[in-house]
């Protein structure tokens, strides 16, 4: 496995973990058994998780934009991640 692929796999693994954590927080936020304070805490946690998730995606997109590796390299590792990267790249255009 070449260095680029290894880096993309590591970034993908982080992305998957961030995505999972964000989804778990949203599920907890939607729970009906939460107090108002707990709902507010989870809302803040979801916003923070969204920010970290978006920052990670933007970091990967910037690596593509700066030709550290290509969008095709990302797509070979994970097509869903490549779609997320493409959205960021199109929004920056």
C-alpha atoms as a PDB file:
ATOM      1  CA  UNK A   1       0.000   0.000   0.000  1.00  0.00           C
ATOM      2  CA  UNK A   2       1.424   3.385  -0.940  1.00  0.00           C
ATOM      3  CA  UNK A   3       1.778   6.299   1.478  1.00  0.00           C
ATOM      4  CA  UNK A   4      -1.134   8.281  -0.010  1.00  0.00           C
ATOM      5  CA  UNK A   5      -3.526   5.376   0.351  1.00  0.00           C
ATOM      6  CA  UNK A   6      -2.381   4.758   3.908  1.00  0.00           C
ATOM      7  CA  UNK A   7      -2.991   8.415   4.829  1.00  0.00           C
ATOM      8  CA  UNK A   8      -6.422   8.398   3.198  1.00  0.00           C
ATOM      9  CA  UNK A   9      -7.354   5.208   5.063  1.00  0.00           C
ATOM     10  CA  UNK A  10      -6.338   6.810   8.360  1.00  0.00           C
ATOM     11  CA  UNK A  11      -8.343   9.956   7.548  1.00  0.00           C
ATOM     12  CA  UNK A  12     -11.298   7.813   6.495  1.00  0.00           C
ATOM     13  CA  UNK A  13     -11.184   5.916   9.785  1.00  0.00           C
ATOM     14  CA  UNK A  14     -11.266   9.206  11.706  1.00  0.00           C
ATOM     15  CA  UNK A  15     -14.115  10.424   9.484  1.00  0.00           C
ATOM     16  CA  UNK A  16     -16.110   7.257  10.166  1.00  0.00           C
ATOM     17  CA  UNK A  17     -15.587   7.638  13.911  1.00  0.00           C
ATOM     18  CA  UNK A  18     -16.641  11.308  13.842  1.00  0.00           C
ATOM     19  CA  UNK A  19     -19.686  10.439  11.761  1.00  0.00           C
ATOM     20  CA  UNK A  20     -20.671   7.667  14.184  1.00  0.00           C
ATOM     21  CA  UNK A  21     -20.243   9.908  17.233  1.00  0.00           C
ATOM     22  CA  UNK A  22     -22.308  12.649  15.618  1.00  0.00           C
ATOM     23  CA  UNK A  23     -25.109  10.211  14.776  1.00  0.00           C
ATOM     24  CA  UNK A  24     -25.098   8.785  18.316  1.00  0.00           C
ATOM     25  CA  UNK A  25     -25.394  12.268  19.803  1.00  0.00           C
ATOM     26  CA  UNK A  26     -28.333  13.086  17.522  1.00  0.00           C
ATOM     27  CA  UNK A  27     -30.088   9.888  18.629  1.00  0.00           C
ATOM     28  CA  UNK A  28     -29.537  10.802  22.280  1.00  0.00           C
ATOM     29  CA  UNK A  29     -30.767  14.340  21.638  1.00  0.00           C
ATOM     30  CA  UNK A  30     -33.994  12.966  20.159  1.00  0.00           C
ATOM     31  CA  UNK A  31     -34.660  10.857  23.251  1.00  0.00           C
ATOM     32  CA  UNK A  32     -37.924  11.766  24.969  1.00  0.00           C
ATOM     33  CA  UNK A  33     -36.586  11.049  28.458  1.00  0.00           C
ATOM     34  CA  UNK A  34     -34.252  14.048  28.640  1.00  0.00           C
ATOM     35  CA  UNK A  35     -34.629  17.014  30.912  1.00  0.00           C
ATOM     36  CA  UNK A  36     -34.384  20.481  29.394  1.00  0.00           C
ATOM     37  CA  UNK A  37     -30.821  20.795  30.711  1.00  0.00           C
ATOM     38  CA  UNK A  38     -29.846  17.446  29.191  1.00  0.00           C
ATOM     39  CA  UNK A  39     -31.415  18.428  25.862  1.00  0.00           C
ATOM     40  CA  UNK A  40     -29.420  21.655  25.872  1.00  0.00           C
ATOM     41  CA  UNK A  41     -26.218  19.754  26.714  1.00  0.00           C
ATOM     42  CA  UNK A  42     -26.791  17.306  23.863  1.00  0.00           C
ATOM     43  CA  UNK A  43     -27.671  20.145  21.483  1.00  0.00           C
ATOM     44  CA  UNK A  44     -24.343  21.809  22.279  1.00  0.00           C
ATOM     45  CA  UNK A  45     -22.566  18.454  21.914  1.00  0.00           C
ATOM     46  CA  UNK A  46     -24.179  17.876  18.493  1.00  0.00           C
ATOM     47  CA  UNK A  47     -23.147  21.352  17.325  1.00  0.00           C
ATOM     48  CA  UNK A  48     -19.592  20.677  18.464  1.00  0.00           C
ATOM     49  CA  UNK A  49     -19.555  17.273  16.780  1.00  0.00           C
ATOM     50  CA  UNK A  50     -20.853  18.874  13.561  1.00  0.00           C
ATOM     51  CA  UNK A  51     -18.067  21.460  13.684  1.00  0.00           C
ATOM     52  CA  UNK A  52     -15.354  18.841  14.207  1.00  0.00           C
ATOM     53  CA  UNK A  53     -16.843  16.665  11.445  1.00  0.00           C
ATOM     54  CA  UNK A  54     -16.978  19.562   8.990  1.00  0.00           C
ATOM     55  CA  UNK A  55     -13.429  20.652   9.858  1.00  0.00           C
ATOM     56  CA  UNK A  56     -12.154  17.142   9.196  1.00  0.00           C
ATOM     57  CA  UNK A  57     -13.936  16.973   5.828  1.00  0.00           C
ATOM     58  CA  UNK A  58     -12.574  20.409   4.884  1.00  0.00           C
ATOM     59  CA  UNK A  59      -9.066  19.290   5.829  1.00  0.00           C
ATOM     60  CA  UNK A  60      -9.301  16.296   3.504  1.00  0.00           C
ATOM     61  CA  UNK A  61     -10.775  18.497   0.756  1.00  0.00           C
ATOM     62  CA  UNK A  62      -7.912  20.989   1.124  1.00  0.00           C
ATOM     63  CA  UNK A  63      -5.429  18.145   0.735  1.00  0.00           C
ATOM     64  CA  UNK A  64      -7.163  17.235  -2.534  1.00  0.00           C
ATOM     65  CA  UNK A  65      -7.272  20.868  -3.650  1.00  0.00           C
ATOM     66  CA  UNK A  66      -3.546  21.234  -2.902  1.00  0.00           C
ATOM     67  CA  UNK A  67      -2.796  18.042  -4.852  1.00  0.00           C
ATOM     68  CA  UNK A  68      -1.441  16.135  -1.860  1.00  0.00           C
ATOM     69  CA  UNK A  69      -3.601  13.314  -3.172  1.00  0.00           C
ATOM     70  CA  UNK A  70      -6.393  13.260  -5.732  1.00  0.00           C
ATOM     71  CA  UNK A  71     -10.136  12.960  -5.437  1.00  0.00           C
ATOM     72  CA  UNK A  72      -9.793   9.671  -7.339  1.00  0.00           C
ATOM     73  CA  UNK A  73      -7.381   8.442  -4.654  1.00  0.00           C
ATOM     74  CA  UNK A  74     -10.047   9.178  -2.034  1.00  0.00           C
ATOM     75  CA  UNK A  75     -12.752   7.553  -4.155  1.00  0.00           C
ATOM     76  CA  UNK A  76     -10.687   4.348  -4.414  1.00  0.00           C
ATOM     77  CA  UNK A  77     -10.621   4.113  -0.621  1.00  0.00           C
ATOM     78  CA  UNK A  78     -14.209   5.195   0.125  1.00  0.00           C
ATOM     79  CA  UNK A  79     -16.761   6.449  -2.381  1.00  0.00           C
ATOM     80  CA  UNK A  80     -19.013   7.956   0.309  1.00  0.00           C
ATOM     81  CA  UNK A  81     -16.129   9.996   1.684  1.00  0.00           C
ATOM     82  CA  UNK A  82     -15.288  11.097  -1.854  1.00  0.00           C
ATOM     83  CA  UNK A  83     -18.846  12.388  -2.265  1.00  0.00           C
ATOM     84  CA  UNK A  84     -18.505  14.431   0.941  1.00  0.00           C
ATOM     85  CA  UNK A  85     -15.192  15.831  -0.307  1.00  0.00           C
ATOM     86  CA  UNK A  86     -16.712  16.682  -3.679  1.00  0.00           C
ATOM     87  CA  UNK A  87     -19.486  18.680  -1.978  1.00  0.00           C
ATOM     88  CA  UNK A  88     -16.892  20.768  -0.115  1.00  0.00           C
ATOM     89  CA  UNK A  89     -14.801  21.299  -3.233  1.00  0.00           C
ATOM     90  CA  UNK A  90     -17.847  22.401  -5.228  1.00  0.00           C
ATOM     91  CA  UNK A  91     -18.939  24.771  -2.475  1.00  0.00           C
ATOM     92  CA  UNK A  92     -15.465  26.379  -2.490  1.00  0.00           C
ATOM     93  CA  UNK A  93     -15.542  26.893  -6.248  1.00  0.00           C
END
